Protein backbone atom coordinates (compact mmCIF):
# COMPACT_ATOMS: atom_id res chain seq x y z
CA MET A 1 -28.56 -16.09 -37.21
CA PRO A 2 -28.14 -12.31 -37.74
CA GLU A 3 -31.33 -10.27 -37.61
CA THR A 4 -32.58 -7.65 -40.03
CA PRO A 5 -32.29 -4.06 -38.77
CA PHE A 6 -35.72 -3.23 -40.19
CA ARG A 7 -39.05 -3.46 -38.41
CA ALA A 8 -41.06 -6.40 -39.77
CA VAL A 9 -43.19 -5.03 -42.61
CA ASP A 10 -44.61 -6.23 -45.91
CA PRO A 11 -41.51 -6.91 -48.07
CA ALA A 12 -43.25 -5.13 -50.96
CA GLN A 13 -43.71 -1.92 -48.96
CA PRO A 14 -41.58 0.92 -50.34
CA ALA A 15 -38.63 1.66 -48.08
CA VAL A 16 -37.55 4.60 -50.25
CA ILE A 17 -39.33 6.74 -52.84
CA VAL A 18 -37.25 9.41 -54.57
CA GLU A 19 -38.82 12.56 -55.99
CA PRO A 20 -39.04 13.81 -58.65
CA SER A 21 -37.62 10.68 -60.36
CA GLY A 22 -40.14 8.29 -58.78
CA ASP A 23 -37.45 5.64 -58.15
CA VAL A 24 -38.53 3.08 -55.52
CA ILE A 25 -36.68 0.56 -53.35
CA THR A 26 -38.87 -1.89 -51.43
CA TYR A 27 -38.00 -3.35 -48.05
CA GLU A 28 -37.16 -6.63 -49.79
CA ASP A 29 -34.77 -4.72 -52.07
CA LEU A 30 -33.20 -2.89 -49.12
CA GLU A 31 -32.71 -6.10 -47.14
CA THR A 32 -31.07 -8.06 -49.96
CA ARG A 33 -28.99 -5.21 -51.40
CA SER A 34 -27.65 -4.05 -48.03
CA ASN A 35 -26.63 -7.68 -47.35
CA GLN A 36 -24.84 -7.79 -50.70
CA VAL A 37 -23.07 -4.52 -49.91
CA ALA A 38 -21.94 -5.88 -46.53
CA HIS A 39 -20.49 -8.96 -48.27
CA LEU A 40 -18.76 -6.70 -50.80
CA PHE A 41 -17.12 -4.71 -48.02
CA ARG A 42 -15.94 -7.87 -46.29
CA ASP A 43 -14.56 -9.21 -49.56
CA ARG A 44 -12.49 -6.03 -49.88
CA GLY A 45 -10.92 -6.67 -46.49
CA LEU A 46 -12.98 -4.14 -44.53
CA GLN A 47 -13.55 -5.28 -40.96
CA ALA A 48 -15.49 -3.73 -38.09
CA GLY A 49 -14.09 -0.25 -37.45
CA SER A 50 -12.86 0.27 -41.03
CA CYS A 51 -14.10 3.30 -42.96
CA VAL A 52 -15.79 3.80 -46.35
CA ALA A 53 -16.67 7.06 -48.08
CA VAL A 54 -19.88 7.77 -50.02
CA LEU A 55 -19.78 10.54 -52.63
CA VAL A 56 -23.34 10.24 -53.86
CA GLU A 57 -26.24 12.69 -54.26
CA ASN A 58 -29.70 11.99 -52.82
CA ARG A 59 -30.78 8.81 -54.60
CA ALA A 60 -32.28 5.49 -53.59
CA GLU A 61 -28.96 3.59 -53.67
CA TYR A 62 -27.60 5.78 -50.89
CA PHE A 63 -29.54 3.71 -48.39
CA GLU A 64 -28.33 0.32 -49.57
CA LEU A 65 -24.77 1.63 -49.22
CA VAL A 66 -25.09 3.06 -45.72
CA TRP A 67 -27.17 0.14 -44.46
CA GLY A 68 -24.55 -2.25 -45.83
CA ALA A 69 -21.85 -0.35 -43.95
CA GLN A 70 -24.03 -0.19 -40.83
CA ARG A 71 -24.54 -3.97 -40.90
CA ALA A 72 -20.81 -4.59 -41.44
CA GLY A 73 -19.78 -2.57 -38.38
CA LEU A 74 -18.07 0.11 -40.46
CA TYR A 75 -17.72 3.84 -40.16
CA TYR A 76 -19.19 5.54 -43.22
CA VAL A 77 -18.46 9.09 -44.35
CA GLY A 78 -21.04 10.98 -46.37
CA VAL A 79 -19.01 13.43 -48.45
CA ASN A 80 -20.70 16.75 -49.18
CA THR A 81 -21.23 16.81 -52.95
CA HIS A 82 -20.84 20.60 -53.08
CA LEU A 83 -17.29 20.66 -51.73
CA THR A 84 -14.31 21.73 -53.78
CA GLU A 85 -11.76 19.14 -54.84
CA ALA A 86 -9.38 20.17 -52.06
CA GLU A 87 -12.10 20.09 -49.39
CA ALA A 88 -13.35 16.64 -50.41
CA ALA A 89 -9.83 15.23 -50.69
CA TYR A 90 -9.09 16.49 -47.16
CA ILE A 91 -12.06 14.53 -45.80
CA LEU A 92 -10.98 11.33 -47.56
CA ARG A 93 -7.47 11.63 -46.14
CA ASP A 94 -8.56 12.66 -42.67
CA SER A 95 -11.18 9.92 -42.35
CA GLY A 96 -8.85 7.18 -43.50
CA ALA A 97 -11.51 5.86 -45.89
CA GLN A 98 -10.36 2.55 -47.34
CA LEU A 99 -12.92 2.38 -50.14
CA VAL A 100 -14.89 5.05 -52.02
CA ILE A 101 -18.27 4.73 -53.72
CA ALA A 102 -19.16 7.61 -56.06
CA SER A 103 -22.01 8.46 -58.40
CA ASP A 104 -21.33 8.82 -62.11
CA THR A 105 -23.06 12.23 -62.00
CA LEU A 106 -20.19 13.34 -59.76
CA ALA A 107 -17.48 11.60 -61.78
CA PRO A 108 -15.36 14.73 -62.54
CA LEU A 109 -15.15 15.56 -58.83
CA ALA A 110 -14.52 11.92 -57.93
CA ASP A 111 -11.69 11.64 -60.47
CA ALA A 112 -10.10 14.87 -59.27
CA ILE A 113 -10.11 14.07 -55.57
CA LEU A 114 -8.83 10.53 -56.13
CA ALA A 115 -5.92 11.57 -58.32
CA ASP A 116 -3.73 10.61 -55.36
CA PRO A 117 -3.22 6.82 -55.74
CA ALA A 118 -2.72 6.47 -51.97
CA LEU A 119 -6.39 7.24 -51.36
CA ALA A 120 -8.99 4.42 -51.24
CA PRO A 121 -6.55 1.47 -51.31
CA ARG A 122 -9.40 -1.09 -51.09
CA GLY A 123 -11.13 0.07 -54.24
CA ARG A 124 -13.18 2.65 -56.12
CA LEU A 125 -16.74 1.82 -57.12
CA MET A 126 -19.02 3.95 -59.28
CA LEU A 127 -22.82 3.96 -59.49
CA GLY A 128 -24.10 4.13 -63.05
CA SER A 129 -21.60 4.26 -65.90
CA ALA A 130 -18.18 3.47 -64.45
CA ARG A 131 -15.29 5.50 -65.84
CA ALA A 132 -11.73 4.35 -66.37
CA GLY A 133 -10.13 3.55 -63.04
CA TRP A 134 -13.47 2.70 -61.42
CA GLU A 135 -15.35 -0.57 -61.03
CA SER A 136 -19.09 -0.87 -61.58
CA TYR A 137 -20.84 -0.78 -58.22
CA GLU A 138 -23.94 -2.51 -59.54
CA GLN A 139 -21.93 -5.33 -61.09
CA GLN A 140 -19.83 -5.91 -57.97
CA ARG A 141 -22.87 -5.83 -55.69
CA SER A 142 -24.84 -8.26 -57.83
CA LEU A 143 -22.11 -10.92 -57.50
CA ARG A 144 -22.51 -11.11 -53.70
CA PRO A 145 -24.85 -13.27 -51.58
CA ARG A 146 -28.25 -11.87 -50.66
CA THR A 147 -28.13 -13.22 -47.10
CA PRO A 148 -26.57 -11.45 -44.09
CA ILE A 149 -22.84 -11.70 -43.40
CA PRO A 150 -22.20 -14.03 -40.44
CA ASP A 151 -20.38 -11.42 -38.33
CA GLU A 152 -22.82 -8.52 -38.47
CA SER A 153 -22.28 -5.71 -35.95
CA GLU A 154 -23.55 -2.16 -35.69
CA GLY A 155 -21.54 0.52 -37.50
CA ASP A 156 -21.98 4.28 -37.35
CA PHE A 157 -21.63 7.35 -39.49
CA LEU A 158 -18.43 9.36 -39.26
CA LEU A 159 -19.60 12.78 -40.38
CA TYR A 160 -17.79 16.05 -40.70
CA SER A 161 -19.04 19.27 -39.19
CA SER A 162 -20.28 21.86 -41.63
CA GLY A 163 -17.09 23.88 -41.42
CA THR A 164 -19.02 27.11 -40.79
CA THR A 165 -16.01 28.63 -39.03
CA GLY A 166 -13.09 26.80 -40.62
CA ARG A 167 -11.90 23.36 -41.69
CA PRO A 168 -14.51 20.68 -40.84
CA LYS A 169 -13.95 18.25 -38.00
CA GLY A 170 -14.54 14.51 -38.17
CA ILE A 171 -16.91 13.57 -35.35
CA GLN A 172 -16.34 9.97 -34.31
CA ARG A 173 -18.43 8.07 -31.76
CA PRO A 174 -17.35 4.72 -30.29
CA LEU A 175 -18.86 1.64 -31.91
CA SER A 176 -20.96 -0.59 -29.69
CA GLY A 177 -19.54 -3.81 -31.13
CA GLY A 178 -22.97 -5.32 -30.59
CA PRO A 179 -25.20 -7.14 -33.04
CA VAL A 180 -27.66 -5.46 -35.38
CA GLY A 181 -30.41 -3.97 -33.27
CA SER A 182 -28.09 -2.91 -30.45
CA HIS A 183 -27.47 0.57 -31.87
CA PRO A 184 -28.71 3.36 -29.53
CA ASP A 185 -31.39 4.56 -31.93
CA VAL A 186 -32.17 7.94 -30.31
CA PRO A 187 -34.04 9.50 -33.28
CA GLY A 188 -36.07 6.30 -33.62
CA ARG A 189 -37.06 6.44 -29.98
CA TRP A 190 -38.15 10.05 -30.37
CA LEU A 191 -40.08 9.17 -33.53
CA ARG A 192 -41.92 6.30 -31.91
CA GLU A 193 -42.40 7.62 -28.36
CA LEU A 194 -42.81 11.37 -28.89
CA LEU A 195 -44.14 11.57 -32.45
CA ASP A 196 -46.27 8.40 -32.65
CA PHE A 197 -44.42 7.03 -35.68
CA ALA A 198 -45.67 3.55 -36.59
CA PRO A 199 -45.01 0.98 -39.34
CA GLY A 200 -46.53 2.23 -42.58
CA ASP A 201 -46.10 5.92 -41.74
CA VAL A 202 -44.40 8.09 -44.35
CA TYR A 203 -41.36 10.26 -43.60
CA LEU A 204 -40.34 13.12 -45.93
CA SER A 205 -36.66 14.10 -46.01
CA PRO A 206 -35.88 17.08 -48.26
CA ALA A 207 -32.26 17.65 -47.15
CA PRO A 208 -28.98 16.05 -48.28
CA LEU A 209 -28.18 12.68 -46.72
CA TYR A 210 -24.53 13.57 -46.15
CA HIS A 211 -25.66 15.56 -43.10
CA ALA A 212 -26.26 14.00 -39.71
CA ALA A 213 -29.95 14.62 -38.99
CA PRO A 214 -31.36 13.65 -42.43
CA LEU A 215 -29.29 10.45 -42.48
CA ALA A 216 -29.94 9.45 -38.87
CA TRP A 217 -33.68 10.15 -38.92
CA THR A 218 -34.35 8.43 -42.25
CA MET A 219 -32.46 5.33 -41.09
CA SER A 220 -34.50 5.45 -37.89
CA ALA A 221 -37.66 5.59 -40.00
CA HIS A 222 -36.47 2.33 -41.62
CA ARG A 223 -35.83 0.78 -38.21
CA SER A 224 -39.42 1.76 -37.40
CA GLY A 225 -41.01 0.30 -40.53
CA GLY A 226 -41.83 3.55 -42.33
CA THR A 227 -41.51 4.68 -45.94
CA VAL A 228 -38.95 7.41 -46.62
CA VAL A 229 -39.82 9.93 -49.32
CA LEU A 230 -36.51 11.48 -50.36
CA LEU A 231 -36.21 14.67 -52.39
CA HIS A 232 -33.31 14.66 -54.83
CA HIS A 233 -32.95 18.34 -53.98
CA PHE A 234 -35.08 20.76 -52.06
CA ASP A 235 -37.67 22.69 -54.03
CA PRO A 236 -40.46 24.37 -52.05
CA GLU A 237 -43.34 23.42 -54.35
CA LEU A 238 -41.98 19.90 -54.94
CA ALA A 239 -41.94 19.41 -51.17
CA LEU A 240 -45.59 20.42 -50.83
CA ASP A 241 -46.52 18.21 -53.78
CA ALA A 242 -44.69 15.23 -52.23
CA ILE A 243 -46.60 15.66 -48.96
CA ALA A 244 -49.92 15.69 -50.79
CA ARG A 245 -49.26 12.82 -53.24
CA HIS A 246 -47.58 10.44 -50.79
CA GLN A 247 -49.76 11.27 -47.79
CA VAL A 248 -46.69 12.14 -45.76
CA THR A 249 -47.22 11.83 -41.99
CA HIS A 250 -43.84 13.05 -40.67
CA SER A 251 -41.23 15.38 -42.15
CA GLN A 252 -38.00 17.16 -41.28
CA TRP A 253 -36.89 20.67 -42.22
CA VAL A 254 -34.44 23.48 -41.66
CA PRO A 255 -35.60 27.10 -41.23
CA THR A 256 -34.43 28.26 -44.66
CA MET A 257 -36.86 25.75 -46.17
CA PHE A 258 -39.69 27.28 -44.14
CA VAL A 259 -38.73 30.71 -45.44
CA ARG A 260 -38.78 29.54 -49.06
CA MET A 261 -42.14 27.79 -48.68
CA LEU A 262 -43.68 30.79 -46.93
CA LYS A 263 -42.57 33.05 -49.79
CA LEU A 264 -44.46 30.98 -52.37
CA PRO A 265 -47.56 32.79 -53.65
CA ALA A 266 -50.60 32.10 -51.48
CA GLN A 267 -52.48 30.44 -54.35
CA VAL A 268 -49.60 27.97 -54.81
CA ARG A 269 -49.46 27.12 -51.10
CA ASP A 270 -53.22 26.64 -50.95
CA GLU A 271 -53.18 24.24 -53.90
CA TYR A 272 -51.78 21.31 -51.88
CA ASP A 273 -53.61 19.19 -49.31
CA LEU A 274 -51.25 18.83 -46.35
CA SER A 275 -53.79 17.31 -43.97
CA SER A 276 -51.93 13.97 -43.71
CA LEU A 277 -48.97 15.70 -42.01
CA ARG A 278 -49.03 14.97 -38.27
CA HIS A 279 -45.55 16.16 -37.26
CA ALA A 280 -43.01 18.51 -38.84
CA VAL A 281 -39.59 18.20 -37.22
CA HIS A 282 -37.07 21.00 -37.56
CA ALA A 283 -33.51 21.56 -36.35
CA ALA A 284 -29.95 22.29 -37.61
CA ALA A 285 -30.22 26.10 -37.37
CA PRO A 286 -32.15 28.58 -35.21
CA CYS A 287 -35.61 29.43 -36.52
CA PRO A 288 -36.64 33.11 -36.42
CA VAL A 289 -39.63 33.61 -34.15
CA ASP A 290 -41.81 35.24 -36.80
CA ILE A 291 -41.04 32.48 -39.31
CA LYS A 292 -41.96 29.73 -36.88
CA ARG A 293 -45.14 31.53 -35.84
CA ALA A 294 -46.12 31.84 -39.51
CA MET A 295 -45.51 28.12 -40.06
CA ILE A 296 -47.70 27.21 -37.06
CA ASP A 297 -50.40 29.51 -38.40
CA TRP A 298 -50.20 27.71 -41.76
CA TRP A 299 -49.69 24.04 -40.73
CA GLY A 300 -51.13 24.10 -37.24
CA PRO A 301 -49.33 23.23 -33.98
CA ILE A 302 -47.51 20.23 -35.45
CA LEU A 303 -43.95 21.62 -35.42
CA PHE A 304 -41.51 19.70 -33.23
CA GLU A 305 -38.11 21.30 -32.73
CA PHE A 306 -35.01 19.66 -31.37
CA TYR A 307 -31.61 21.07 -30.61
CA SER A 308 -28.57 18.82 -30.66
CA SER A 309 -25.34 18.37 -32.61
CA THR A 310 -23.57 15.79 -34.72
CA GLU A 311 -21.42 15.17 -31.64
CA GLY A 312 -24.59 13.93 -29.89
CA VAL A 313 -23.73 15.68 -26.62
CA GLY A 314 -27.06 16.63 -25.15
CA ALA A 315 -30.39 17.49 -26.71
CA THR A 316 -33.51 19.53 -26.05
CA THR A 317 -36.97 19.30 -27.60
CA ILE A 318 -40.03 21.52 -27.70
CA THR A 319 -43.55 21.07 -29.08
CA SER A 320 -45.55 23.80 -30.80
CA GLN A 321 -47.79 24.14 -27.76
CA GLU A 322 -44.78 24.71 -25.49
CA TRP A 323 -43.15 27.06 -27.99
CA LEU A 324 -46.24 29.27 -28.16
CA ARG A 325 -45.80 29.77 -24.41
CA LYS A 326 -42.01 30.12 -24.75
CA PRO A 327 -41.40 31.70 -28.17
CA GLY A 328 -37.78 31.48 -29.25
CA SER A 329 -36.90 28.58 -26.97
CA VAL A 330 -35.40 25.30 -28.23
CA GLY A 331 -36.94 23.44 -25.31
CA LYS A 332 -36.08 21.45 -22.23
CA PRO A 333 -33.44 18.72 -22.04
CA ILE A 334 -34.25 15.21 -23.15
CA HIS A 335 -30.63 14.05 -23.10
CA GLY A 336 -27.91 15.47 -20.84
CA ARG A 337 -28.10 18.36 -18.35
CA PRO A 338 -27.59 21.87 -19.79
CA TYR A 339 -25.84 24.69 -17.96
CA VAL A 340 -24.38 28.05 -19.02
CA THR A 341 -21.01 29.57 -18.11
CA ASP A 342 -19.08 32.79 -18.64
CA ASP A 343 -15.63 32.98 -20.24
CA GLU A 344 -13.96 32.03 -16.94
CA GLY A 345 -16.10 28.92 -16.56
CA THR A 346 -18.32 30.28 -13.80
CA GLU A 347 -21.87 28.94 -13.99
CA LEU A 348 -24.32 31.75 -14.76
CA ALA A 349 -27.69 32.52 -13.25
CA VAL A 350 -31.07 32.20 -14.97
CA GLY A 351 -31.38 34.58 -17.91
CA GLU A 352 -27.66 35.33 -18.28
CA ILE A 353 -26.07 34.66 -21.69
CA GLY A 354 -22.97 32.50 -21.95
CA THR A 355 -21.58 29.28 -23.41
CA VAL A 356 -24.00 26.33 -23.38
CA TRP A 357 -22.69 23.04 -21.95
CA PHE A 358 -24.22 19.60 -21.43
CA ALA A 359 -23.22 17.26 -18.61
CA ASP A 360 -24.03 13.54 -18.50
CA SER A 361 -24.04 13.30 -22.28
CA GLY A 362 -22.54 11.03 -24.93
CA GLU A 363 -18.96 10.23 -25.86
CA PHE A 364 -17.19 11.37 -29.03
CA THR A 365 -13.81 12.48 -30.32
CA TYR A 366 -12.75 14.87 -33.04
CA ARG A 367 -10.87 12.43 -35.23
CA GLY A 368 -7.11 12.87 -35.04
CA ASP A 369 -7.36 15.98 -32.87
CA PRO A 370 -7.15 15.23 -29.14
CA GLY A 371 -6.49 18.91 -28.41
CA LYS A 372 -9.75 19.97 -30.01
CA THR A 373 -11.57 17.15 -28.24
CA ALA A 374 -10.18 18.26 -24.88
CA ALA A 375 -11.05 21.92 -25.58
CA ALA A 376 -14.72 20.95 -25.97
CA GLN A 377 -14.80 19.65 -22.37
CA ASP A 378 -14.70 21.41 -19.01
CA SER A 379 -13.74 20.47 -15.46
CA ARG A 380 -17.33 19.48 -14.64
CA GLY A 381 -17.30 16.79 -17.31
CA GLY A 382 -19.55 18.85 -19.55
CA VAL A 383 -19.19 19.24 -23.31
CA SER A 384 -19.88 22.27 -25.51
CA VAL A 385 -19.97 22.74 -29.29
CA GLY A 386 -19.62 26.51 -28.93
CA ASP A 387 -23.23 27.70 -28.91
CA THR A 388 -24.25 30.60 -26.67
CA GLY A 389 -27.58 31.05 -24.94
CA PHE A 390 -29.38 31.12 -21.60
CA LEU A 391 -31.79 29.12 -19.45
CA ASP A 392 -35.03 30.59 -18.13
CA GLN A 393 -36.59 30.02 -14.72
CA ASP A 394 -38.46 26.96 -15.99
CA GLY A 395 -35.38 25.26 -17.42
CA TYR A 396 -36.08 26.10 -21.08
CA LEU A 397 -33.02 26.77 -23.22
CA TYR A 398 -32.74 29.75 -25.57
CA LEU A 399 -29.90 30.06 -28.09
CA THR A 400 -28.44 33.41 -29.05
CA ASP A 401 -25.70 32.43 -31.55
CA ARG A 402 -22.49 30.55 -32.05
CA ARG A 403 -19.66 31.80 -29.86
CA THR A 404 -17.47 32.03 -32.95
CA HIS A 405 -20.03 34.31 -34.64
CA LEU A 406 -20.06 36.85 -31.80
CA ILE A 407 -19.29 40.43 -32.85
CA ILE A 408 -17.58 42.69 -30.30
CA SER A 409 -17.99 46.33 -31.32
CA GLY A 410 -16.90 49.07 -28.95
CA GLY A 411 -16.59 46.47 -26.20
CA VAL A 412 -20.24 45.40 -26.57
CA ASN A 413 -21.30 41.86 -27.49
CA ILE A 414 -23.56 41.72 -30.55
CA TYR A 415 -25.24 38.48 -31.66
CA PRO A 416 -25.66 38.35 -35.47
CA ARG A 417 -28.65 36.02 -35.34
CA GLU A 418 -30.80 38.71 -33.72
CA ILE A 419 -30.05 41.11 -36.58
CA GLU A 420 -30.54 38.43 -39.24
CA ASP A 421 -33.96 37.51 -37.84
CA VAL A 422 -35.09 41.14 -38.12
CA LEU A 423 -33.83 41.79 -41.66
CA LEU A 424 -35.25 38.50 -42.91
CA MET A 425 -38.76 39.81 -42.24
CA HIS A 426 -38.38 42.66 -44.75
CA PRO A 427 -40.33 41.71 -47.91
CA ALA A 428 -37.38 42.50 -50.20
CA VAL A 429 -35.05 40.04 -48.43
CA ALA A 430 -34.62 36.42 -49.52
CA ASP A 431 -31.69 35.60 -47.23
CA VAL A 432 -29.27 37.46 -44.96
CA GLY A 433 -25.99 36.94 -43.15
CA VAL A 434 -24.44 39.32 -40.61
CA VAL A 435 -20.76 39.38 -39.66
CA GLY A 436 -18.28 41.68 -37.99
CA VAL A 437 -15.28 42.97 -39.93
CA PRO A 438 -12.22 44.70 -38.46
CA ASP A 439 -12.70 48.37 -37.62
CA ALA A 440 -9.87 50.64 -36.39
CA GLU A 441 -12.13 52.59 -34.03
CA MET A 442 -14.72 50.05 -32.81
CA GLY A 443 -12.77 46.80 -33.05
CA GLU A 444 -15.42 45.30 -35.33
CA ARG A 445 -18.07 46.81 -37.58
CA VAL A 446 -21.43 45.14 -38.26
CA ILE A 447 -22.10 44.38 -41.94
CA ALA A 448 -25.18 42.65 -43.38
CA ALA A 449 -25.00 40.70 -46.62
CA VAL A 450 -28.49 40.58 -48.13
CA GLN A 451 -29.67 38.31 -50.93
CA LEU A 452 -32.69 39.94 -52.52
CA GLN A 453 -35.94 38.55 -53.88
CA ALA A 454 -35.43 40.82 -56.87
CA PRO A 455 -31.69 41.44 -57.38
CA ALA A 456 -32.35 44.34 -59.76
CA THR A 457 -33.64 46.44 -56.83
CA ALA A 458 -30.21 46.52 -55.15
CA GLY A 459 -28.76 49.94 -54.53
CA PRO A 460 -28.19 52.74 -52.01
CA ASP A 461 -31.90 53.49 -51.62
CA LEU A 462 -32.79 49.94 -50.65
CA ALA A 463 -29.76 49.74 -48.34
CA ALA A 464 -30.96 52.86 -46.55
CA GLU A 465 -34.47 51.43 -46.32
CA LEU A 466 -33.18 48.22 -44.74
CA ILE A 467 -31.10 50.14 -42.21
CA SER A 468 -34.13 52.25 -41.30
CA PHE A 469 -36.22 49.07 -40.98
CA ALA A 470 -33.64 47.57 -38.63
CA ARG A 471 -33.63 50.72 -36.48
CA THR A 472 -37.33 50.25 -35.75
CA LYS A 473 -36.65 46.86 -34.15
CA LEU A 474 -33.08 46.92 -32.85
CA ALA A 475 -30.97 49.01 -30.50
CA GLY A 476 -28.80 51.46 -32.40
CA PHE A 477 -25.52 49.67 -31.67
CA LYS A 478 -26.86 46.49 -33.32
CA VAL A 479 -27.95 48.13 -36.57
CA PRO A 480 -25.65 47.28 -39.52
CA ARG A 481 -23.38 50.10 -40.59
CA ASP A 482 -23.21 48.73 -44.10
CA ILE A 483 -25.48 46.63 -46.34
CA ARG A 484 -24.07 44.60 -49.23
CA PHE A 485 -26.03 42.77 -51.93
CA PRO A 486 -24.21 39.61 -53.10
CA ALA A 487 -26.01 37.36 -55.59
CA HIS A 488 -25.77 34.34 -53.26
CA LEU A 489 -24.81 33.64 -49.67
CA PRO A 490 -22.52 30.75 -48.67
CA ARG A 491 -24.92 28.46 -46.83
CA THR A 492 -24.58 24.72 -46.39
CA PRO A 493 -27.51 22.66 -47.74
CA THR A 494 -28.78 22.29 -44.17
CA GLY A 495 -29.10 26.04 -43.84
CA LYS A 496 -26.01 26.90 -41.82
CA MET A 497 -24.17 30.02 -42.90
CA ARG A 498 -20.49 29.56 -43.64
CA LYS A 499 -19.55 32.71 -41.74
CA HIS A 500 -15.82 32.53 -42.39
CA GLU A 501 -16.48 32.51 -46.15
CA LEU A 502 -18.99 35.34 -45.86
CA LYS A 503 -16.59 37.48 -43.84
CA GLN A 504 -13.83 36.89 -46.38
CA LEU A 505 -16.20 37.76 -49.23
CA LEU A 506 -17.21 41.04 -47.60
CA MET A 507 -13.67 42.02 -46.63
CA ASN A 508 -12.49 41.46 -50.19
CA SER A 509 -15.34 43.32 -51.88
């Protein structure tokens, strides 16, 4: 008889609580509804290895959908709800999704991207009020049995990279083909073994579920018998309130969320009791040293950072105590063996900056692109996702930037992250992105795009002040030659800057 993927808990225990709506799904609900979803997929002809797409915002039903796909041995694609019609349609075509489930709140986008009748040949289901051309998800689910399908096997997400430097890539890992419970639950192992996560603990996830880490870690919290508190969208004060009201024990963040919480007025931050919080996990983007130090000062040494990728090729971790000894590091390897090479593939010595690789790591392919898959591998059998950094004498890894973000000005390598970290500490700055644009004399010229706390203060005087501020902390060749003040910067919801969009914006302005 197939087994449940969830740790044995009280069936009435909440599996999911959504804020600010207060919607709740219990473990009994999650078990029965995910079984019904698995039956629904089988009834539509989806077998192990088939693909479904989920175009749904953060809401409780997201979990019954992905757990149903996981239990049916399917690949499931979480479609970014902020994509344009063309971007979302590309993902549906590229993934080969046979069936699409969409939310009625996203109906205009769903209708537009599915105008092509060749897409989603196995059906189109809509949560909420189904429009013409869509079936009611709730009605179709309710008609199915509440018991497990007889041929359960572990599925996996098929997620697309953030597309920070171009068209996103589908990252596909081989399915185990094993029964439920055979999935290599790496985040769950870290939660239980490194972060003392136990049944009944409460896990806060403030980021969109269509990204790898929020989806993987929340599902691992379910495998571990915890309650997931899910924010419909990130709001800094709502996040603090959720921690206090739900006695959150574990949470996961990206650095831009830390910045926004730190910039709340002190009296607002002090209003909430955060004493239940034992561990605050962060990843997805580099965290500026001063920001992380400020968070440790505020929350205590409970921050746990990991560095990995959707590809799952290697990982490092670092505790707050280690980080205070090694500020700026992303830790020591917990999966795979890191090494650093120059552009010719020669392995570099301690402290030298180059491309970061991991040997002895996991398998993956970029869907439909064997050339890109091969380009991510080297002759040693290592894999790289294009990050640059260095290793210190104790084996701790430090990241400098993405290789594709590197600015070469006058023959000198400049890493935008270093400049961004400095400008972000100016009190007038809410967010910042640094890129290089073509320059006839220098090859590239450094430009900073700054989103202000008070947009009305933008102007030549503030630009000059920011440049002077940067000169006090950076070598002259790294200081931006130009400061621009756009209203918003093109970040993904997990905090990654879409540098190709930013560069285009600045070149056209």
